[in-house]
């Protein structure tokens, strides 16, 4: 077992958070004095960078707009054994971070996810709560995710998770992608209730309930296509086949009754739809085999990295 304590990095993606970033950095530095706190600014137009530096964070910049782009850069740049990902809006409870880190190390998890429990009525907007429940439920159905808050921004992660994660999303869909990646690779993960408070005065949410909600929905659909192709193309098969039967059965019945096919265009369309249905079915079968091979390679890459069980407790 290692003689040195694990390297802990606090990662804070940030955009226009001058009202909250100093307190966020101070709280996590106090909670995890052995950790290095990184703030990655994403083209802020206010005093975010200055406030973060004054609070003692290492500040870097990512010019490509979007939280996913920032997280991709942080995961690539920063070397650590344990990563604490949080937001820069001072809404997450930094005081529980040591316990979450300890849980990851003691029980060899790859992700300890902080489920948000609002401490005030206005901390968690109703539209966000509903959207989170719907999207988390859909992801749970498609990927067998056993989480109640998939879209939390508070996660403690192992090195082998971070360094095996090929970030694709550019924006807020990054949380969905993080969850699906962990679930698909059968990584040990757990969810822990954490307090979620209101933003300080002057801090404004960058998440659009409808715009970003639809982006997350499309990300889920895209991930189903890439990670569960048989389900995706099987659904297309069912839709095309059903449409073909709806259009084709009356034509067949008419032919049986009269011996004629008076609606030839409908008959042709019905046959075309059935051909598309079986093309979708065979595509799903083939891609499912390919995806299985990709999964095995990703799993081997993940296992090649030392897990948290080999680290000394801080």
C-alpha atoms as a PDB file:
ATOM      1  CA  UNK A   1       0.000   0.000   0.000  1.00  0.00           C
ATOM      2  CA  UNK A   2       1.179   3.512  -0.807  1.00  0.00           C
ATOM      3  CA  UNK A   3       3.067   5.405   1.927  1.00  0.00           C
ATOM      4  CA  UNK A   4       1.903   8.816   0.741  1.00  0.00           C
ATOM      5  CA  UNK A   5      -1.653  10.137   1.064  1.00  0.00           C
ATOM      6  CA  UNK A   6      -3.724  10.346  -2.133  1.00  0.00           C
ATOM      7  CA  UNK A   7      -3.521  13.459  -4.254  1.00  0.00           C
ATOM      8  CA  UNK A   8      -6.908  15.195  -4.171  1.00  0.00           C
ATOM      9  CA  UNK A   9      -7.986  17.754  -6.758  1.00  0.00           C
ATOM     10  CA  UNK A  10     -11.094  19.919  -6.464  1.00  0.00           C
ATOM     11  CA  UNK A  11     -12.352  20.784  -9.947  1.00  0.00           C
ATOM     12  CA  UNK A  12     -14.602  23.816 -10.385  1.00  0.00           C
ATOM     13  CA  UNK A  13     -15.833  24.695 -13.896  1.00  0.00           C
ATOM     14  CA  UNK A  14     -16.923  28.311 -13.826  1.00  0.00           C
ATOM     15  CA  UNK A  15     -18.716  30.946 -15.925  1.00  0.00           C
ATOM     16  CA  UNK A  16     -19.624  34.410 -14.592  1.00  0.00           C
ATOM     17  CA  UNK A  17     -19.608  33.486 -10.900  1.00  0.00           C
ATOM     18  CA  UNK A  18     -17.875  36.471  -9.298  1.00  0.00           C
ATOM     19  CA  UNK A  19     -20.551  36.560  -6.583  1.00  0.00           C
ATOM     20  CA  UNK A  20     -19.990  32.963  -5.465  1.00  0.00           C
ATOM     21  CA  UNK A  21     -16.621  31.624  -6.573  1.00  0.00           C
ATOM     22  CA  UNK A  22     -14.535  33.053  -3.717  1.00  0.00           C
ATOM     23  CA  UNK A  23     -16.760  31.472  -1.073  1.00  0.00           C
ATOM     24  CA  UNK A  24     -16.847  28.173  -2.999  1.00  0.00           C
ATOM     25  CA  UNK A  25     -13.052  28.025  -3.161  1.00  0.00           C
ATOM     26  CA  UNK A  26     -12.683  29.034   0.491  1.00  0.00           C
ATOM     27  CA  UNK A  27     -15.161  26.392   1.637  1.00  0.00           C
ATOM     28  CA  UNK A  28     -13.465  23.552  -0.213  1.00  0.00           C
ATOM     29  CA  UNK A  29      -9.983  24.661   0.842  1.00  0.00           C
ATOM     30  CA  UNK A  30     -11.170  24.616   4.446  1.00  0.00           C
ATOM     31  CA  UNK A  31     -12.888  21.240   4.100  1.00  0.00           C
ATOM     32  CA  UNK A  32     -10.023  19.605   2.191  1.00  0.00           C
ATOM     33  CA  UNK A  33      -6.828  21.440   3.231  1.00  0.00           C
ATOM     34  CA  UNK A  34      -4.672  18.740   1.615  1.00  0.00           C
ATOM     35  CA  UNK A  35      -6.375  19.208  -1.791  1.00  0.00           C
ATOM     36  CA  UNK A  36      -5.453  21.457  -4.693  1.00  0.00           C
ATOM     37  CA  UNK A  37      -8.366  23.588  -5.874  1.00  0.00           C
ATOM     38  CA  UNK A  38      -8.597  24.297  -9.607  1.00  0.00           C
ATOM     39  CA  UNK A  39     -10.965  26.802 -11.173  1.00  0.00           C
ATOM     40  CA  UNK A  40     -11.346  26.574 -14.945  1.00  0.00           C
ATOM     41  CA  UNK A  41     -12.891  29.761 -16.274  1.00  0.00           C
ATOM     42  CA  UNK A  42     -15.083  29.480 -19.365  1.00  0.00           C
ATOM     43  CA  UNK A  43     -14.927  32.978 -20.919  1.00  0.00           C
ATOM     44  CA  UNK A  44     -16.364  34.850 -17.930  1.00  0.00           C
ATOM     45  CA  UNK A  45     -17.059  38.523 -18.534  1.00  0.00           C
ATOM     46  CA  UNK A  46     -16.980  39.531 -14.883  1.00  0.00           C
ATOM     47  CA  UNK A  47     -14.386  39.301 -12.096  1.00  0.00           C
ATOM     48  CA  UNK A  48     -14.566  35.496 -11.668  1.00  0.00           C
ATOM     49  CA  UNK A  49     -10.874  34.933 -12.420  1.00  0.00           C
ATOM     50  CA  UNK A  50      -9.694  37.647 -10.029  1.00  0.00           C
ATOM     51  CA  UNK A  51     -11.964  36.451  -7.213  1.00  0.00           C
ATOM     52  CA  UNK A  52     -10.855  32.829  -7.650  1.00  0.00           C
ATOM     53  CA  UNK A  53      -7.167  33.769  -7.559  1.00  0.00           C
ATOM     54  CA  UNK A  54      -7.684  35.922  -4.462  1.00  0.00           C
ATOM     55  CA  UNK A  55      -9.347  32.945  -2.752  1.00  0.00           C
ATOM     56  CA  UNK A  56      -6.297  30.763  -3.397  1.00  0.00           C
ATOM     57  CA  UNK A  57      -7.348  28.627  -6.363  1.00  0.00           C
ATOM     58  CA  UNK A  58      -5.190  27.684  -9.328  1.00  0.00           C
ATOM     59  CA  UNK A  59      -7.005  29.347 -12.218  1.00  0.00           C
ATOM     60  CA  UNK A  60      -6.897  28.237 -15.830  1.00  0.00           C
ATOM     61  CA  UNK A  61      -9.062  29.017 -18.858  1.00  0.00           C
ATOM     62  CA  UNK A  62     -10.956  26.973 -21.433  1.00  0.00           C
ATOM     63  CA  UNK A  63     -12.043  29.049 -24.478  1.00  0.00           C
ATOM     64  CA  UNK A  64     -14.527  26.531 -25.918  1.00  0.00           C
ATOM     65  CA  UNK A  65     -17.867  27.410 -24.408  1.00  0.00           C
ATOM     66  CA  UNK A  66     -19.811  24.784 -22.493  1.00  0.00           C
ATOM     67  CA  UNK A  67     -19.450  22.814 -19.262  1.00  0.00           C
ATOM     68  CA  UNK A  68     -18.647  19.588 -21.127  1.00  0.00           C
ATOM     69  CA  UNK A  69     -15.719  21.270 -22.863  1.00  0.00           C
ATOM     70  CA  UNK A  70     -14.404  22.532 -19.531  1.00  0.00           C
ATOM     71  CA  UNK A  71     -14.718  19.126 -17.853  1.00  0.00           C
ATOM     72  CA  UNK A  72     -12.932  17.461 -20.790  1.00  0.00           C
ATOM     73  CA  UNK A  73     -10.034  19.902 -20.402  1.00  0.00           C
ATOM     74  CA  UNK A  74      -9.832  19.429 -16.629  1.00  0.00           C
ATOM     75  CA  UNK A  75      -9.856  15.640 -16.866  1.00  0.00           C
ATOM     76  CA  UNK A  76      -7.062  15.767 -19.445  1.00  0.00           C
ATOM     77  CA  UNK A  77      -4.883  18.344 -17.675  1.00  0.00           C
ATOM     78  CA  UNK A  78      -5.048  17.494 -13.994  1.00  0.00           C
ATOM     79  CA  UNK A  79      -3.220  14.574 -12.400  1.00  0.00           C
ATOM     80  CA  UNK A  80      -4.620  13.318  -9.106  1.00  0.00           C
ATOM     81  CA  UNK A  81      -5.792  10.165  -7.333  1.00  0.00           C
ATOM     82  CA  UNK A  82      -9.179  11.510  -6.249  1.00  0.00           C
ATOM     83  CA  UNK A  83     -11.190  14.180  -8.052  1.00  0.00           C
ATOM     84  CA  UNK A  84     -13.910  16.312  -6.456  1.00  0.00           C
ATOM     85  CA  UNK A  85     -16.118  17.871  -9.136  1.00  0.00           C
ATOM     86  CA  UNK A  86     -18.397  20.686  -8.014  1.00  0.00           C
ATOM     87  CA  UNK A  87     -19.993  23.880  -9.330  1.00  0.00           C
ATOM     88  CA  UNK A  88     -18.750  27.380  -8.642  1.00  0.00           C
ATOM     89  CA  UNK A  89     -22.103  28.765  -7.471  1.00  0.00           C
ATOM     90  CA  UNK A  90     -21.726  27.984  -3.748  1.00  0.00           C
ATOM     91  CA  UNK A  91     -24.782  25.693  -3.668  1.00  0.00           C
ATOM     92  CA  UNK A  92     -23.113  22.407  -2.683  1.00  0.00           C
ATOM     93  CA  UNK A  93     -22.079  21.522   0.850  1.00  0.00           C
ATOM     94  CA  UNK A  94     -18.279  21.492   1.021  1.00  0.00           C
ATOM     95  CA  UNK A  95     -18.233  20.273   4.636  1.00  0.00           C
ATOM     96  CA  UNK A  96     -19.279  16.745   3.593  1.00  0.00           C
ATOM     97  CA  UNK A  97     -16.479  16.452   1.019  1.00  0.00           C
ATOM     98  CA  UNK A  98     -14.013  14.728   3.418  1.00  0.00           C
ATOM     99  CA  UNK A  99     -16.625  12.091   4.302  1.00  0.00           C
ATOM    100  CA  UNK A 100     -17.426  11.513   0.627  1.00  0.00           C
ATOM    101  CA  UNK A 101     -13.737  11.172  -0.243  1.00  0.00           C
ATOM    102  CA  UNK A 102     -13.262   8.777   2.682  1.00  0.00           C
ATOM    103  CA  UNK A 103     -16.223   6.697   1.510  1.00  0.00           C
ATOM    104  CA  UNK A 104     -14.745   6.414  -1.975  1.00  0.00           C
ATOM    105  CA  UNK A 105     -11.400   5.265  -0.546  1.00  0.00           C
ATOM    106  CA  UNK A 106     -12.735   2.973   2.190  1.00  0.00           C
ATOM    107  CA  UNK A 107     -15.244   1.157  -0.003  1.00  0.00           C
ATOM    108  CA  UNK A 108     -13.362   1.360  -3.329  1.00  0.00           C
ATOM    109  CA  UNK A 109     -16.017   3.243  -5.275  1.00  0.00           C
ATOM    110  CA  UNK A 110     -15.262   4.935  -8.570  1.00  0.00           C
ATOM    111  CA  UNK A 111     -17.987   7.545  -8.064  1.00  0.00           C
ATOM    112  CA  UNK A 112     -19.658   8.891  -4.949  1.00  0.00           C
ATOM    113  CA  UNK A 113     -22.477  11.096  -6.207  1.00  0.00           C
ATOM    114  CA  UNK A 114     -24.052  13.846  -4.093  1.00  0.00           C
ATOM    115  CA  UNK A 115     -27.823  13.691  -4.333  1.00  0.00           C
ATOM    116  CA  UNK A 116     -29.236  17.202  -3.895  1.00  0.00           C
ATOM    117  CA  UNK A 117     -31.541  17.752  -0.903  1.00  0.00           C
ATOM    118  CA  UNK A 118     -32.786  21.346  -1.007  1.00  0.00           C
ATOM    119  CA  UNK A 119     -32.431  23.294   2.233  1.00  0.00           C
ATOM    120  CA  UNK A 120     -34.676  26.151   1.053  1.00  0.00           C
ATOM    121  CA  UNK A 121     -37.770  26.450  -1.104  1.00  0.00           C
ATOM    122  CA  UNK A 122     -36.031  28.425  -3.852  1.00  0.00           C
ATOM    123  CA  UNK A 123     -32.792  26.413  -3.878  1.00  0.00           C
ATOM    124  CA  UNK A 124     -34.064  23.924  -6.451  1.00  0.00           C
ATOM    125  CA  UNK A 125     -36.490  25.334  -9.045  1.00  0.00           C
ATOM    126  CA  UNK A 126     -39.653  23.298  -9.679  1.00  0.00           C
ATOM    127  CA  UNK A 127     -38.948  23.059 -13.411  1.00  0.00           C
ATOM    128  CA  UNK A 128     -35.475  21.696 -12.743  1.00  0.00           C
ATOM    129  CA  UNK A 129     -36.822  19.169 -10.232  1.00  0.00           C
ATOM    130  CA  UNK A 130     -39.418  17.878 -12.711  1.00  0.00           C
ATOM    131  CA  UNK A 131     -36.920  17.793 -15.585  1.00  0.00           C
ATOM    132  CA  UNK A 132     -34.378  15.964 -13.459  1.00  0.00           C
ATOM    133  CA  UNK A 133     -36.942  13.329 -12.445  1.00  0.00           C
ATOM    134  CA  UNK A 134     -38.078  12.772 -16.032  1.00  0.00           C
ATOM    135  CA  UNK A 135     -34.579  12.564 -17.499  1.00  0.00           C
ATOM    136  CA  UNK A 136     -33.237  10.452 -14.636  1.00  0.00           C
ATOM    137  CA  UNK A 137     -36.212   8.106 -15.003  1.00  0.00           C
ATOM    138  CA  UNK A 138     -35.674   7.764 -18.757  1.00  0.00           C
ATOM    139  CA  UNK A 139     -31.971   7.061 -18.296  1.00  0.00           C
ATOM    140  CA  UNK A 140     -32.744   4.561 -15.546  1.00  0.00           C
ATOM    141  CA  UNK A 141     -35.100   2.742 -17.922  1.00  0.00           C
ATOM    142  CA  UNK A 142     -32.619   2.652 -20.812  1.00  0.00           C
ATOM    143  CA  UNK A 143     -29.417   1.943 -18.862  1.00  0.00           C
ATOM    144  CA  UNK A 144     -30.570   0.467 -15.545  1.00  0.00           C
ATOM    145  CA  UNK A 145     -29.241   3.451 -13.603  1.00  0.00           C
ATOM    146  CA  UNK A 146     -29.965   3.212  -9.883  1.00  0.00           C
ATOM    147  CA  UNK A 147     -29.700   6.896  -9.032  1.00  0.00           C
ATOM    148  CA  UNK A 148     -32.297   9.439  -7.954  1.00  0.00           C
ATOM    149  CA  UNK A 149     -30.332  12.547  -9.022  1.00  0.00           C
ATOM    150  CA  UNK A 150     -28.470  11.873 -12.242  1.00  0.00           C
ATOM    151  CA  UNK A 151     -27.872  15.559 -12.993  1.00  0.00           C
ATOM    152  CA  UNK A 152     -26.074  16.527  -9.793  1.00  0.00           C
ATOM    153  CA  UNK A 153     -22.896  18.512 -10.263  1.00  0.00           C
ATOM    154  CA  UNK A 154     -21.282  17.187  -7.073  1.00  0.00           C
ATOM    155  CA  UNK A 155     -19.258  14.007  -7.584  1.00  0.00           C
ATOM    156  CA  UNK A 156     -16.201  12.400  -6.007  1.00  0.00           C
ATOM    157  CA  UNK A 157     -14.376  10.320  -8.633  1.00  0.00           C
ATOM    158  CA  UNK A 158     -11.447   7.942  -8.784  1.00  0.00           C
ATOM    159  CA  UNK A 159      -8.500   8.400 -11.102  1.00  0.00           C
ATOM    160  CA  UNK A 160      -9.407   5.316 -13.118  1.00  0.00           C
ATOM    161  CA  UNK A 161     -12.863   6.742 -13.815  1.00  0.00           C
ATOM    162  CA  UNK A 162     -11.576  10.163 -14.867  1.00  0.00           C
ATOM    163  CA  UNK A 163      -8.763   8.861 -17.058  1.00  0.00           C
ATOM    164  CA  UNK A 164     -10.953   6.265 -18.788  1.00  0.00           C
ATOM    165  CA  UNK A 165     -13.784   8.690 -19.595  1.00  0.00           C
ATOM    166  CA  UNK A 166     -13.881   9.943 -23.214  1.00  0.00           C
ATOM    167  CA  UNK A 167     -15.887  13.156 -22.793  1.00  0.00           C
ATOM    168  CA  UNK A 168     -18.084  13.848 -25.812  1.00  0.00           C
ATOM    169  CA  UNK A 169     -20.718  16.319 -24.583  1.00  0.00           C
ATOM    170  CA  UNK A 170     -19.998  20.023 -24.892  1.00  0.00           C
ATOM    171  CA  UNK A 171     -22.598  21.399 -22.483  1.00  0.00           C
ATOM    172  CA  UNK A 172     -24.728  20.468 -19.478  1.00  0.00           C
ATOM    173  CA  UNK A 173     -25.371  16.974 -20.864  1.00  0.00           C
ATOM    174  CA  UNK A 174     -21.977  16.068 -19.383  1.00  0.00           C
ATOM    175  CA  UNK A 175     -23.678  14.838 -16.171  1.00  0.00           C
ATOM    176  CA  UNK A 176     -25.744  12.342 -18.164  1.00  0.00           C
ATOM    177  CA  UNK A 177     -22.672  11.144 -20.013  1.00  0.00           C
ATOM    178  CA  UNK A 178     -20.713  10.741 -16.756  1.00  0.00           C
ATOM    179  CA  UNK A 179     -23.456   8.558 -15.321  1.00  0.00           C
ATOM    180  CA  UNK A 180     -23.953   6.394 -18.409  1.00  0.00           C
ATOM    181  CA  UNK A 181     -20.201   5.823 -18.788  1.00  0.00           C
ATOM    182  CA  UNK A 182     -19.950   4.567 -15.207  1.00  0.00           C
ATOM    183  CA  UNK A 183     -23.021   2.350 -15.520  1.00  0.00           C
ATOM    184  CA  UNK A 184     -22.004   0.825 -18.852  1.00  0.00           C
ATOM    185  CA  UNK A 185     -18.548  -0.104 -17.546  1.00  0.00           C
ATOM    186  CA  UNK A 186     -20.062  -1.628 -14.387  1.00  0.00           C
ATOM    187  CA  UNK A 187     -18.131   0.737 -12.128  1.00  0.00           C
ATOM    188  CA  UNK A 188     -18.889   0.648  -8.393  1.00  0.00           C
ATOM    189  CA  UNK A 189     -20.820   3.815  -7.555  1.00  0.00           C
ATOM    190  CA  UNK A 190     -23.103   5.104  -4.821  1.00  0.00           C
ATOM    191  CA  UNK A 191     -25.355   8.096  -4.166  1.00  0.00           C
ATOM    192  CA  UNK A 192     -25.249  10.020  -0.886  1.00  0.00           C
ATOM    193  CA  UNK A 193     -27.694  12.716   0.235  1.00  0.00           C
ATOM    194  CA  UNK A 194     -26.090  16.172   0.444  1.00  0.00           C
ATOM    195  CA  UNK A 195     -27.470  19.597   1.258  1.00  0.00           C
ATOM    196  CA  UNK A 196     -28.244  21.906  -1.642  1.00  0.00           C
ATOM    197  CA  UNK A 197     -28.638  25.594  -0.816  1.00  0.00           C
ATOM    198  CA  UNK A 198     -29.689  28.745  -2.625  1.00  0.00           C
ATOM    199  CA  UNK A 199     -27.277  30.663  -4.799  1.00  0.00           C
ATOM    200  CA  UNK A 200     -25.882  33.806  -3.190  1.00  0.00           C
ATOM    201  CA  UNK A 201     -27.255  37.150  -4.312  1.00  0.00           C
ATOM    202  CA  UNK A 202     -25.826  38.125  -7.692  1.00  0.00           C
ATOM    203  CA  UNK A 203     -25.297  34.546  -8.892  1.00  0.00           C
ATOM    204  CA  UNK A 204     -27.572  33.447 -11.743  1.00  0.00           C
ATOM    205  CA  UNK A 205     -28.169  29.918 -13.041  1.00  0.00           C
ATOM    206  CA  UNK A 206     -26.773  29.267 -16.530  1.00  0.00           C
ATOM    207  CA  UNK A 207     -29.062  26.258 -17.041  1.00  0.00           C
ATOM    208  CA  UNK A 208     -32.072  26.803 -19.323  1.00  0.00           C
ATOM    209  CA  UNK A 209     -34.902  24.486 -18.221  1.00  0.00           C
ATOM    210  CA  UNK A 210     -36.237  23.798 -21.720  1.00  0.00           C
ATOM    211  CA  UNK A 211     -33.250  24.408 -24.019  1.00  0.00           C
ATOM    212  CA  UNK A 212     -30.764  22.420 -21.969  1.00  0.00           C
ATOM    213  CA  UNK A 213     -33.436  19.881 -21.039  1.00  0.00           C
ATOM    214  CA  UNK A 214     -33.947  19.025 -24.703  1.00  0.00           C
ATOM    215  CA  UNK A 215     -30.178  18.869 -25.231  1.00  0.00           C
ATOM    216  CA  UNK A 216     -29.910  16.360 -22.400  1.00  0.00           C
ATOM    217  CA  UNK A 217     -32.829  14.378 -23.869  1.00  0.00           C
ATOM    218  CA  UNK A 218     -31.114  14.217 -27.269  1.00  0.00           C
ATOM    219  CA  UNK A 219     -27.893  13.166 -25.534  1.00  0.00           C
ATOM    220  CA  UNK A 220     -29.740  10.285 -23.862  1.00  0.00           C
ATOM    221  CA  UNK A 221     -31.158   9.212 -27.245  1.00  0.00           C
ATOM    222  CA  UNK A 222     -27.701   9.445 -28.811  1.00  0.00           C
ATOM    223  CA  UNK A 223     -26.180   7.382 -25.995  1.00  0.00           C
ATOM    224  CA  UNK A 224     -28.885   4.738 -26.417  1.00  0.00           C
ATOM    225  CA  UNK A 225     -28.017   4.546 -30.126  1.00  0.00           C
ATOM    226  CA  UNK A 226     -24.298   4.207 -29.395  1.00  0.00           C
ATOM    227  CA  UNK A 227     -24.371   2.042 -26.246  1.00  0.00           C
ATOM    228  CA  UNK A 228     -27.628   0.072 -26.668  1.00  0.00           C
ATOM    229  CA  UNK A 229     -28.019  -0.135 -30.480  1.00  0.00           C
ATOM    230  CA  UNK A 230     -30.303  -3.169 -30.412  1.00  0.00           C
ATOM    231  CA  UNK A 231     -32.829  -1.260 -28.272  1.00  0.00           C
ATOM    232  CA  UNK A 232     -32.586   1.851 -30.479  1.00  0.00           C
ATOM    233  CA  UNK A 233     -32.884   0.063 -33.816  1.00  0.00           C
ATOM    234  CA  UNK A 234     -35.332  -2.437 -32.355  1.00  0.00           C
ATOM    235  CA  UNK A 235     -37.638   0.478 -31.557  1.00  0.00           C
ATOM    236  CA  UNK A 236     -37.292   1.704 -35.163  1.00  0.00           C
ATOM    237  CA  UNK A 237     -38.108  -1.820 -36.347  1.00  0.00           C
ATOM    238  CA  UNK A 238     -41.298  -1.831 -34.258  1.00  0.00           C
ATOM    239  CA  UNK A 239     -42.386   1.596 -35.544  1.00  0.00           C
ATOM    240  CA  UNK A 240     -41.768   0.834 -39.227  1.00  0.00           C
ATOM    241  CA  UNK A 241     -43.301  -2.634 -38.970  1.00  0.00           C
ATOM    242  CA  UNK A 242     -46.422  -1.285 -37.260  1.00  0.00           C
ATOM    243  CA  UNK A 243     -46.870   1.442 -39.889  1.00  0.00           C
ATOM    244  CA  UNK A 244     -46.379  -1.142 -42.634  1.00  0.00           C
ATOM    245  CA  UNK A 245     -49.074  -3.400 -41.154  1.00  0.00           C
ATOM    246  CA  UNK A 246     -51.497  -0.519 -40.654  1.00  0.00           C
ATOM    247  CA  UNK A 247     -51.145   0.467 -44.320  1.00  0.00           C
ATOM    248  CA  UNK A 248     -50.781  -3.035 -45.742  1.00  0.00           C
ATOM    249  CA  UNK A 249     -53.501  -5.079 -44.030  1.00  0.00           C
ATOM    250  CA  UNK A 250     -56.426  -3.244 -45.757  1.00  0.00           C
ATOM    251  CA  UNK A 251     -54.679  -3.734 -49.120  1.00  0.00           C
ATOM    252  CA  UNK A 252     -54.231  -7.470 -48.497  1.00  0.00           C
ATOM    253  CA  UNK A 253     -57.840  -7.860 -47.358  1.00  0.00           C
ATOM    254  CA  UNK A 254     -59.020  -6.051 -50.476  1.00  0.00           C
ATOM    255  CA  UNK A 255     -56.907  -8.335 -52.655  1.00  0.00           C
ATOM    256  CA  UNK A 256     -58.267 -11.463 -50.951  1.00  0.00           C
ATOM    257  CA  UNK A 257     -61.830 -10.219 -51.388  1.00  0.00           C
ATOM    258  CA  UNK A 258     -61.648  -8.957 -54.990  1.00  0.00           C
ATOM    259  CA  UNK A 259     -58.384 -10.242 -56.472  1.00  0.00           C
ATOM    260  CA  UNK A 260     -57.320  -6.660 -57.266  1.00  0.00           C
ATOM    261  CA  UNK A 261     -54.848  -4.177 -55.765  1.00  0.00           C
ATOM    262  CA  UNK A 262     -56.592  -0.843 -56.326  1.00  0.00           C
ATOM    263  CA  UNK A 263     -54.230   1.128 -54.064  1.00  0.00           C
ATOM    264  CA  UNK A 264     -50.861   0.260 -55.562  1.00  0.00           C
ATOM    265  CA  UNK A 265     -48.937   3.245 -54.093  1.00  0.00           C
ATOM    266  CA  UNK A 266     -50.118   2.254 -50.601  1.00  0.00           C
ATOM    267  CA  UNK A 267     -49.024  -1.338 -51.221  1.00  0.00           C
ATOM    268  CA  UNK A 268     -45.571  -0.171 -52.366  1.00  0.00           C
ATOM    269  CA  UNK A 269     -45.218   2.121 -49.350  1.00  0.00           C
ATOM    270  CA  UNK A 270     -46.202  -0.715 -47.015  1.00  0.00           C
ATOM    271  CA  UNK A 271     -43.558  -3.023 -48.500  1.00  0.00           C
ATOM    272  CA  UNK A 272     -40.918  -0.261 -48.323  1.00  0.00           C
ATOM    273  CA  UNK A 273     -41.692   0.357 -44.658  1.00  0.00           C
ATOM    274  CA  UNK A 274     -41.395  -3.358 -43.882  1.00  0.00           C
ATOM    275  CA  UNK A 275     -38.029  -3.471 -45.658  1.00  0.00           C
ATOM    276  CA  UNK A 276     -36.879  -0.495 -43.576  1.00  0.00           C
ATOM    277  CA  UNK A 277     -38.089  -2.298 -40.473  1.00  0.00           C
ATOM    278  CA  UNK A 278     -35.979  -5.370 -41.137  1.00  0.00           C
ATOM    279  CA  UNK A 279     -32.991  -3.257 -42.182  1.00  0.00           C
ATOM    280  CA  UNK A 280     -33.249  -1.530 -38.793  1.00  0.00           C
ATOM    281  CA  UNK A 281     -33.506  -4.875 -37.009  1.00  0.00           C
ATOM    282  CA  UNK A 282     -30.417  -6.315 -38.714  1.00  0.00           C
ATOM    283  CA  UNK A 283     -28.508  -3.043 -38.167  1.00  0.00           C
ATOM    284  CA  UNK A 284     -29.272  -3.291 -34.455  1.00  0.00           C
ATOM    285  CA  UNK A 285     -28.077  -6.899 -34.308  1.00  0.00           C
ATOM    286  CA  UNK A 286     -24.801  -6.106 -36.111  1.00  0.00           C
ATOM    287  CA  UNK A 287     -24.081  -2.921 -34.159  1.00  0.00           C
ATOM    288  CA  UNK A 288     -24.851  -4.674 -30.880  1.00  0.00           C
ATOM    289  CA  UNK A 289     -22.005  -7.095 -31.614  1.00  0.00           C
ATOM    290  CA  UNK A 290     -19.661  -4.227 -32.503  1.00  0.00           C
ATOM    291  CA  UNK A 291     -20.650  -2.342 -29.339  1.00  0.00           C
ATOM    292  CA  UNK A 292     -19.890  -5.425 -27.264  1.00  0.00           C
ATOM    293  CA  UNK A 293     -16.329  -5.446 -28.620  1.00  0.00           C
ATOM    294  CA  UNK A 294     -15.930  -1.725 -27.891  1.00  0.00           C
ATOM    295  CA  UNK A 295     -17.261  -2.262 -24.369  1.00  0.00           C
ATOM    296  CA  UNK A 296     -14.693  -4.974 -23.701  1.00  0.00           C
ATOM    297  CA  UNK A 297     -11.839  -2.711 -24.849  1.00  0.00           C
ATOM    298  CA  UNK A 298     -13.066   0.192 -22.714  1.00  0.00           C
ATOM    299  CA  UNK A 299     -13.454  -2.104 -19.742  1.00  0.00           C
ATOM    300  CA  UNK A 300      -9.881  -3.372 -20.144  1.00  0.00           C
ATOM    301  CA  UNK A 301      -8.575   0.220 -20.410  1.00  0.00           C
ATOM    302  CA  UNK A 302     -10.456   1.121 -17.241  1.00  0.00           C
ATOM    303  CA  UNK A 303      -9.096  -1.888 -15.329  1.00  0.00           C
ATOM    304  CA  UNK A 304      -5.528  -1.057 -16.397  1.00  0.00           C
ATOM    305  CA  UNK A 305      -5.598   2.031 -14.153  1.00  0.00           C
ATOM    306  CA  UNK A 306      -5.026   1.646 -10.404  1.00  0.00           C
ATOM    307  CA  UNK A 307      -8.244   1.864  -8.414  1.00  0.00           C
ATOM    308  CA  UNK A 308      -8.878   3.644  -5.104  1.00  0.00           C
ATOM    309  CA  UNK A 309      -8.325   0.450  -3.092  1.00  0.00           C
ATOM    310  CA  UNK A 310      -4.549   0.861  -3.570  1.00  0.00           C
ATOM    311  CA  UNK A 311      -4.416   4.284  -1.928  1.00  0.00           C
ATOM    312  CA  UNK A 312      -3.564   5.222   1.623  1.00  0.00           C
ATOM    313  CA  UNK A 313      -6.300   7.085   3.476  1.00  0.00           C
ATOM    314  CA  UNK A 314      -5.678  10.818   3.834  1.00  0.00           C
END
